[in-house]
Structures are given as structure tokens and as C-alpha cells.
PDB file of N, CA and C in Angstrom:
ATOM      1  N   MET A   1     -34.341   7.488  -4.211  1.00  0.00           N
ATOM      2  CA  MET A   1     -33.664   6.210  -4.332  1.00  0.00           C
ATOM      3  C   MET A   1     -32.393   6.410  -5.150  1.00  0.00           C
ATOM      4  N   SER A   2     -31.279   5.987  -4.575  1.00  0.00           N
ATOM      5  CA  SER A   2     -30.014   6.129  -5.308  1.00  0.00           C
ATOM      6  C   SER A   2     -29.609   4.778  -5.880  1.00  0.00           C
ATOM      7  N   THR A   3     -29.100   4.827  -7.057  1.00  0.00           N
ATOM      8  CA  THR A   3     -28.617   3.595  -7.686  1.00  0.00           C
ATOM      9  C   THR A   3     -27.139   3.765  -7.981  1.00  0.00           C
ATOM     10  N   LYS A   4     -26.379   2.743  -7.656  1.00  0.00           N
ATOM     11  CA  LYS A   4     -24.954   2.781  -7.945  1.00  0.00           C
ATOM     12  C   LYS A   4     -24.739   2.408  -9.402  1.00  0.00           C
ATOM     13  N   THR A   5     -23.835   3.113 -10.020  1.00  0.00           N
ATOM     14  CA  THR A   5     -23.490   2.721 -11.378  1.00  0.00           C
ATOM     15  C   THR A   5     -22.501   1.571 -11.292  1.00  0.00           C
ATOM     16  N   PRO A   6     -22.684   0.570 -12.111  1.00  0.00           N
ATOM     17  CA  PRO A   6     -21.766  -0.562 -12.047  1.00  0.00           C
ATOM     18  C   PRO A   6     -20.353  -0.137 -12.452  1.00  0.00           C
ATOM     19  N   MET A   7     -19.372  -0.781 -11.829  1.00  0.00           N
ATOM     20  CA  MET A   7     -17.991  -0.483 -12.161  1.00  0.00           C
ATOM     21  C   MET A   7     -17.677  -0.943 -13.571  1.00  0.00           C
ATOM     22  N   THR A   8     -16.874  -0.162 -14.229  1.00  0.00           N
ATOM     23  CA  THR A   8     -16.410  -0.613 -15.533  1.00  0.00           C
ATOM     24  C   THR A   8     -15.371  -1.706 -15.306  1.00  0.00           C
ATOM     25  N   GLN A   9     -15.079  -2.431 -16.335  1.00  0.00           N
ATOM     26  CA  GLN A   9     -14.090  -3.503 -16.218  1.00  0.00           C
ATOM     27  C   GLN A   9     -12.733  -2.919 -15.811  1.00  0.00           C
ATOM     28  N   LYS A  10     -12.386  -1.771 -16.357  1.00  0.00           N
ATOM     29  CA  LYS A  10     -11.118  -1.131 -16.021  1.00  0.00           C
ATOM     30  C   LYS A  10     -11.068  -0.764 -14.533  1.00  0.00           C
ATOM     31  N   GLU A  11     -12.159  -0.202 -14.011  1.00  0.00           N
ATOM     32  CA  GLU A  11     -12.218   0.162 -12.592  1.00  0.00           C
ATOM     33  C   GLU A  11     -12.120  -1.072 -11.704  1.00  0.00           C
ATOM     34  N   GLU A  12     -12.794  -2.135 -12.117  1.00  0.00           N
ATOM     35  CA  GLU A  12     -12.757  -3.375 -11.341  1.00  0.00           C
ATOM     36  C   GLU A  12     -11.346  -3.944 -11.304  1.00  0.00           C
ATOM     37  N   ILE A  13     -10.668  -3.953 -12.444  1.00  0.00           N
ATOM     38  CA  ILE A  13      -9.296  -4.454 -12.504  1.00  0.00           C
ATOM     39  C   ILE A  13      -8.388  -3.592 -11.639  1.00  0.00           C
ATOM     40  N   PHE A  14      -8.580  -2.277 -11.687  1.00  0.00           N
ATOM     41  CA  PHE A  14      -7.771  -1.385 -10.877  1.00  0.00           C
ATOM     42  C   PHE A  14      -7.972  -1.672  -9.389  1.00  0.00           C
ATOM     43  N   GLN A  15      -9.203  -1.881  -8.951  1.00  0.00           N
ATOM     44  CA  GLN A  15      -9.469  -2.187  -7.544  1.00  0.00           C
ATOM     45  C   GLN A  15      -8.795  -3.490  -7.129  1.00  0.00           C
ATOM     46  N   LEU A  16      -8.839  -4.487  -7.994  1.00  0.00           N
ATOM     47  CA  LEU A  16      -8.174  -5.757  -7.705  1.00  0.00           C
ATOM     48  C   LEU A  16      -6.658  -5.578  -7.637  1.00  0.00           C
ATOM     49  N   ALA A  17      -6.115  -4.758  -8.527  1.00  0.00           N
ATOM     50  CA  ALA A  17      -4.673  -4.501  -8.529  1.00  0.00           C
ATOM     51  C   ALA A  17      -4.245  -3.778  -7.255  1.00  0.00           C
ATOM     52  N   LYS A  18      -5.045  -2.796  -6.818  1.00  0.00           N
ATOM     53  CA  LYS A  18      -4.726  -2.083  -5.582  1.00  0.00           C
ATOM     54  C   LYS A  18      -4.706  -3.038  -4.387  1.00  0.00           C
ATOM     55  N   ALA A  19      -5.651  -3.948  -4.338  1.00  0.00           N
ATOM     56  CA  ALA A  19      -5.692  -4.924  -3.239  1.00  0.00           C
ATOM     57  C   ALA A  19      -4.453  -5.823  -3.283  1.00  0.00           C
ATOM     58  N   ALA A  20      -4.051  -6.222  -4.484  1.00  0.00           N
ATOM     59  CA  ALA A  20      -2.864  -7.063  -4.633  1.00  0.00           C
ATOM     60  C   ALA A  20      -1.601  -6.305  -4.193  1.00  0.00           C
ATOM     61  N   MET A  21      -1.531  -5.024  -4.525  1.00  0.00           N
ATOM     62  CA  MET A  21      -0.363  -4.227  -4.125  1.00  0.00           C
ATOM     63  C   MET A  21      -0.313  -4.044  -2.606  1.00  0.00           C
ATOM     64  N   ARG A  22      -1.471  -3.896  -1.983  1.00  0.00           N
ATOM     65  CA  ARG A  22      -1.494  -3.803  -0.515  1.00  0.00           C
ATOM     66  C   ARG A  22      -0.994  -5.101   0.112  1.00  0.00           C
ATOM     67  N   ARG A  23      -1.463  -6.235  -0.427  1.00  0.00           N
ATOM     68  CA  ARG A  23      -0.997  -7.530   0.098  1.00  0.00           C
ATOM     69  C   ARG A  23       0.508  -7.671  -0.086  1.00  0.00           C
ATOM     70  N   ALA A  24       1.026  -7.245  -1.233  1.00  0.00           N
ATOM     71  CA  ALA A  24       2.468  -7.318  -1.486  1.00  0.00           C
ATOM     72  C   ALA A  24       3.239  -6.432  -0.512  1.00  0.00           C
ATOM     73  N   ALA A  25       2.700  -5.251  -0.206  1.00  0.00           N
ATOM     74  CA  ALA A  25       3.358  -4.347   0.747  1.00  0.00           C
ATOM     75  C   ALA A  25       3.413  -4.969   2.135  1.00  0.00           C
ATOM     76  N   ILE A  26       2.339  -5.605   2.538  1.00  0.00           N
ATOM     77  CA  ILE A  26       2.312  -6.273   3.846  1.00  0.00           C
ATOM     78  C   ILE A  26       3.282  -7.447   3.857  1.00  0.00           C
ATOM     79  N   ASN A  27       3.308  -8.238   2.775  1.00  0.00           N
ATOM     80  CA  ASN A  27       4.241  -9.365   2.693  1.00  0.00           C
ATOM     81  C   ASN A  27       5.690  -8.888   2.743  1.00  0.00           C
ATOM     82  N   ALA A  28       6.005  -7.776   2.094  1.00  0.00           N
ATOM     83  CA  ALA A  28       7.363  -7.226   2.119  1.00  0.00           C
ATOM     84  C   ALA A  28       7.736  -6.804   3.538  1.00  0.00           C
ATOM     85  N   ARG A  29       6.795  -6.204   4.256  1.00  0.00           N
ATOM     86  CA  ARG A  29       7.055  -5.813   5.637  1.00  0.00           C
ATOM     87  C   ARG A  29       7.288  -7.033   6.519  1.00  0.00           C
ATOM     88  N   GLU A  30       6.477  -8.056   6.337  1.00  0.00           N
ATOM     89  CA  GLU A  30       6.650  -9.298   7.105  1.00  0.00           C
ATOM     90  C   GLU A  30       8.032  -9.907   6.851  1.00  0.00           C
ATOM     91  N   LYS A  31       8.427  -9.960   5.579  1.00  0.00           N
ATOM     92  CA  LYS A  31       9.726 -10.528   5.220  1.00  0.00           C
ATOM     93  C   LYS A  31      10.857  -9.682   5.798  1.00  0.00           C
ATOM     94  N   ALA A  32      10.713  -8.365   5.792  1.00  0.00           N
ATOM     95  CA  ALA A  32      11.736  -7.488   6.369  1.00  0.00           C
ATOM     96  C   ALA A  32      11.888  -7.740   7.866  1.00  0.00           C
ATOM     97  N   ILE A  33      10.786  -7.943   8.553  1.00  0.00           N
ATOM     98  CA  ILE A  33      10.847  -8.252   9.988  1.00  0.00           C
ATOM     99  C   ILE A  33      11.543  -9.585  10.198  1.00  0.00           C
ATOM    100  N   GLU A  34      11.167 -10.588   9.412  1.00  0.00           N
ATOM    101  CA  GLU A  34      11.765 -11.928   9.536  1.00  0.00           C
ATOM    102  C   GLU A  34      13.276 -11.903   9.323  1.00  0.00           C
ATOM    103  N   THR A  35      13.735 -11.096   8.380  1.00  0.00           N
ATOM    104  CA  THR A  35      15.153 -11.082   8.016  1.00  0.00           C
ATOM    105  C   THR A  35      15.934  -9.956   8.684  1.00  0.00           C
ATOM    106  N   GLY A  36      15.240  -9.091   9.427  1.00  0.00           N
ATOM    107  CA  GLY A  36      15.913  -8.008  10.119  1.00  0.00           C
ATOM    108  C   GLY A  36      16.444  -6.933   9.189  1.00  0.00           C
ATOM    109  N   THR A  37      15.764  -6.733   8.076  1.00  0.00           N
ATOM    110  CA  THR A  37      16.212  -5.724   7.117  1.00  0.00           C
ATOM    111  C   THR A  37      15.211  -4.578   7.048  1.00  0.00           C
ATOM    112  N   ALA A  38      15.660  -3.465   6.494  1.00  0.00           N
ATOM    113  CA  ALA A  38      14.803  -2.293   6.339  1.00  0.00           C
ATOM    114  C   ALA A  38      14.088  -2.363   4.992  1.00  0.00           C
ATOM    115  N   ILE A  39      13.037  -1.572   4.879  1.00  0.00           N
ATOM    116  CA  ILE A  39      12.390  -1.382   3.584  1.00  0.00           C
ATOM    117  C   ILE A  39      12.487   0.101   3.244  1.00  0.00           C
ATOM    118  N   VAL A  40      12.269   0.397   1.986  1.00  0.00           N
ATOM    119  CA  VAL A  40      12.273   1.787   1.532  1.00  0.00           C
ATOM    120  C   VAL A  40      10.908   2.065   0.919  1.00  0.00           C
ATOM    121  N   ILE A  41      10.277   3.149   1.371  1.00  0.00           N
ATOM    122  CA  ILE A  41       8.987   3.548   0.839  1.00  0.00           C
ATOM    123  C   ILE A  41       9.071   5.002   0.378  1.00  0.00           C
ATOM    124  N   VAL A  42       8.060   5.449  -0.316  1.00  0.00           N
ATOM    125  CA  VAL A  42       7.961   6.859  -0.685  1.00  0.00           C
ATOM    126  C   VAL A  42       6.899   7.485   0.208  1.00  0.00           C
ATOM    127  N   ARG A  43       7.316   8.521   0.939  1.00  0.00           N
ATOM    128  CA  ARG A  43       6.393   9.240   1.822  1.00  0.00           C
ATOM    129  C   ARG A  43       6.543  10.727   1.525  1.00  0.00           C
ATOM    130  N   ASP A  44       5.460  11.349   1.142  1.00  0.00           N
ATOM    131  CA  ASP A  44       5.480  12.776   0.799  1.00  0.00           C
ATOM    132  C   ASP A  44       6.511  13.085  -0.284  1.00  0.00           C
ATOM    133  N   GLY A  45       6.650  12.168  -1.236  1.00  0.00           N
ATOM    134  CA  GLY A  45       7.553  12.370  -2.359  1.00  0.00           C
ATOM    135  C   GLY A  45       9.022  12.111  -2.063  1.00  0.00           C
ATOM    136  N   LYS A  46       9.332  11.619  -0.872  1.00  0.00           N
ATOM    137  CA  LYS A  46      10.724  11.369  -0.487  1.00  0.00           C
ATOM    138  C   LYS A  46      10.909   9.901  -0.115  1.00  0.00           C
ATOM    139  N   LEU A  47      12.105   9.379  -0.417  1.00  0.00           N
ATOM    140  CA  LEU A  47      12.418   8.009  -0.027  1.00  0.00           C
ATOM    141  C   LEU A  47      12.671   7.963   1.472  1.00  0.00           C
ATOM    142  N   VAL A  48      12.058   6.987   2.136  1.00  0.00           N
ATOM    143  CA  VAL A  48      12.183   6.844   3.585  1.00  0.00           C
ATOM    144  C   VAL A  48      12.548   5.391   3.892  1.00  0.00           C
ATOM    145  N   HIS A  49      13.623   5.200   4.678  1.00  0.00           N
ATOM    146  CA  HIS A  49      14.011   3.862   5.130  1.00  0.00           C
ATOM    147  C   HIS A  49      13.286   3.575   6.438  1.00  0.00           C
ATOM    148  N   ILE A  50      12.701   2.391   6.538  1.00  0.00           N
ATOM    149  CA  ILE A  50      12.028   1.981   7.773  1.00  0.00           C
ATOM    150  C   ILE A  50      12.698   0.696   8.239  1.00  0.00           C
ATOM    151  N   SER A  51      13.253   0.717   9.430  1.00  0.00           N
ATOM    152  CA  SER A  51      13.976  -0.440   9.970  1.00  0.00           C
ATOM    153  C   SER A  51      13.001  -1.548  10.345  1.00  0.00           C
ATOM    154  N   ALA A  52      13.552  -2.745  10.489  1.00  0.00           N
ATOM    155  CA  ALA A  52      12.732  -3.885  10.900  1.00  0.00           C
ATOM    156  C   ALA A  52      12.120  -3.640  12.276  1.00  0.00           C
ATOM    157  N   ALA A  53      12.882  -2.997  13.160  1.00  0.00           N
ATOM    158  CA  ALA A  53      12.366  -2.708  14.501  1.00  0.00           C
ATOM    159  C   ALA A  53      11.173  -1.748  14.436  1.00  0.00           C
ATOM    160  N   GLU A  54      11.285  -0.735  13.584  1.00  0.00           N
ATOM    161  CA  GLU A  54      10.175   0.204  13.433  1.00  0.00           C
ATOM    162  C   GLU A  54       8.965  -0.481  12.804  1.00  0.00           C
ATOM    163  N   LEU A  55       9.217  -1.359  11.837  1.00  0.00           N
ATOM    164  CA  LEU A  55       8.111  -2.111  11.228  1.00  0.00           C
ATOM    165  C   LEU A  55       7.388  -2.955  12.275  1.00  0.00           C
ATOM    166  N   GLN A  56       8.173  -3.582  13.161  1.00  0.00           N
ATOM    167  CA  GLN A  56       7.578  -4.399  14.225  1.00  0.00           C
ATOM    168  C   GLN A  56       6.709  -3.544  15.132  1.00  0.00           C
ATOM    169  N   GLN A  57       7.183  -2.343  15.468  1.00  0.00           N
ATOM    170  CA  GLN A  57       6.405  -1.430  16.306  1.00  0.00           C
ATOM    171  C   GLN A  57       5.111  -1.013  15.600  1.00  0.00           C
ATOM    172  N   GLN A  58       5.220  -0.692  14.295  1.00  0.00           N
ATOM    173  CA  GLN A  58       4.035  -0.298  13.533  1.00  0.00           C
ATOM    174  C   GLN A  58       3.014  -1.432  13.486  1.00  0.00           C
ATOM    175  N   LYS A  59       3.518  -2.653  13.306  1.00  0.00           N
ATOM    176  CA  LYS A  59       2.619  -3.803  13.244  1.00  0.00           C
ATOM    177  C   LYS A  59       1.903  -3.994  14.585  1.00  0.00           C
ATOM    178  N   ALA A  60       2.660  -3.910  15.679  1.00  0.00           N
ATOM    179  CA  ALA A  60       2.085  -4.076  17.020  1.00  0.00           C
ATOM    180  C   ALA A  60       1.047  -2.993  17.316  1.00  0.00           C
ATOM    181  N   ALA A  61       1.267  -1.798  16.772  1.00  0.00           N
ATOM    182  CA  ALA A  61       0.344  -0.685  17.008  1.00  0.00           C
ATOM    183  C   ALA A  61      -0.845  -0.701  16.046  1.00  0.00           C
ATOM    184  N   GLY A  62      -0.875  -1.667  15.139  1.00  0.00           N
ATOM    185  CA  GLY A  62      -1.991  -1.766  14.199  1.00  0.00           C
ATOM    186  C   GLY A  62      -1.955  -0.721  13.098  1.00  0.00           C
ATOM    187  N   GLU A  63      -0.764  -0.217  12.792  1.00  0.00           N
ATOM    188  CA  GLU A  63      -0.653   0.854  11.800  1.00  0.00           C
ATOM    189  C   GLU A  63      -0.608   0.358  10.359  1.00  0.00           C
ATOM    190  N   TRP A  64      -0.539  -0.914  10.142  1.00  0.00           N
ATOM    191  CA  TRP A  64      -0.425  -1.422   8.774  1.00  0.00           C
ATOM    192  C   TRP A  64      -1.710  -1.262   7.986  1.00  0.00           C
ATOM    193  N   HIS A  65      -2.815  -1.002   8.628  1.00  0.00           N
ATOM    194  CA  HIS A  65      -4.057  -0.796   7.879  1.00  0.00           C
ATOM    195  C   HIS A  65      -4.029   0.540   7.130  1.00  0.00           C
ATOM    196  N   ASN A  66      -3.022   1.385   7.420  1.00  0.00           N
ATOM    197  CA  ASN A  66      -2.901   2.685   6.759  1.00  0.00           C
ATOM    198  C   ASN A  66      -2.145   2.622   5.438  1.00  0.00           C
ATOM    199  N   ILE A  67      -1.735   1.452   5.009  1.00  0.00           N
ATOM    200  CA  ILE A  67      -0.979   1.333   3.766  1.00  0.00           C
ATOM    201  C   ILE A  67      -1.851   1.807   2.612  1.00  0.00           C
ATOM    202  N   ARG A  68      -1.322   2.773   1.851  1.00  0.00           N
ATOM    203  CA  ARG A  68      -2.082   3.330   0.727  1.00  0.00           C
ATOM    204  C   ARG A  68      -1.394   3.002  -0.587  1.00  0.00           C
ATOM    205  N   VAL A  69      -2.199   2.824  -1.585  1.00  0.00           N
ATOM    206  CA  VAL A  69      -1.708   2.675  -2.948  1.00  0.00           C
ATOM    207  C   VAL A  69      -2.170   3.915  -3.696  1.00  0.00           C
ATOM    208  N   ILE A  70      -1.221   4.645  -4.244  1.00  0.00           N
ATOM    209  CA  ILE A  70      -1.531   5.912  -4.903  1.00  0.00           C
ATOM    210  C   ILE A  70      -1.827   5.666  -6.373  1.00  0.00           C
ATOM    211  N   ASP A  71      -2.922   6.257  -6.849  1.00  0.00           N
ATOM    212  CA  ASP A  71      -3.306   6.155  -8.252  1.00  0.00           C
ATOM    213  C   ASP A  71      -2.628   7.290  -9.012  1.00  0.00           C
ATOM    214  N   ARG A  72      -1.469   7.012  -9.558  1.00  0.00           N
ATOM    215  CA  ARG A  72      -0.723   8.034 -10.288  1.00  0.00           C
ATOM    216  C   ARG A  72      -1.289   8.256 -11.691  1.00  0.00           C
ATOM    217  N   SER A  73      -2.138   7.343 -12.161  1.00  0.00           N
ATOM    218  CA  SER A  73      -2.694   7.507 -13.512  1.00  0.00           C
ATOM    219  C   SER A  73      -3.620   8.721 -13.581  1.00  0.00           C
ATOM    220  N   LYS A  74      -4.296   9.053 -12.491  1.00  0.00           N
ATOM    221  CA  LYS A  74      -5.189  10.212 -12.484  1.00  0.00           C
ATOM    222  C   LYS A  74      -4.386  11.508 -12.590  1.00  0.00           C
ATOM    223  N   SER A  75      -3.294  11.604 -11.842  1.00  0.00           N
ATOM    224  CA  SER A  75      -2.502  12.836 -11.891  1.00  0.00           C
ATOM    225  C   SER A  75      -1.752  12.948 -13.208  1.00  0.00           C
ATOM    226  N   ALA A  76      -1.375  11.826 -13.801  1.00  0.00           N
ATOM    227  CA  ALA A  76      -0.641  11.859 -15.057  1.00  0.00           C
ATOM    228  C   ALA A  76      -1.527  12.269 -16.226  1.00  0.00           C
ATOM    229  N   SER A  77      -2.820  11.940 -16.143  1.00  0.00           N
ATOM    230  CA  SER A  77      -3.713  12.247 -17.247  1.00  0.00           C
ATOM    231  C   SER A  77      -4.326  13.637 -17.152  1.00  0.00           C
ATOM    232  N   GLN A  78      -4.133  14.304 -16.022  1.00  0.00           N
ATOM    233  CA  GLN A  78      -4.727  15.639 -15.845  1.00  0.00           C
ATOM    234  C   GLN A  78      -3.758  16.732 -16.191  1.00  0.00           C
TER     235      GLN A  78
END
């Protein structure tokens, strides 16, 4: 029988923050499509511009579920 250890308050807050950042990323993409502007993201450590047209294609293809929030606190503390 396996028992899950309860999340610490810090872990719970971090999970909530990650969800909020994902929602913000989706909202930014939606706004970019509405206004016909590009967004800038970091991909593989490099700044990448994504046009509104490309965002629309990604949305139509269902690619927005791949939005990741990177936990830089783990790499900074190691």
C-alpha cells in the first residue's frame, strides 16, 4: 500500500502559481491573436518571436496544451 505524502504549503503555492502562469501565457497568446501582434518566448535558452498567424495555427492544432512553466528555483539552488 502506497501513501502519498501531503504537499507542503510551499509546494501547494508553487503548483497554484504554475497554473496561474499557464493561464497568463494562454491569455497573452489570445490577446496577440486578437491584436495581430507577435509574442516573444524563451525556447532552448533563446528568445523566439512567434507571429499571430503562427499562434493561430498552434491553437488550431491543439498545441497550447504544451505550454510549460520552468522551475528555475531548483536549478538555482543546486
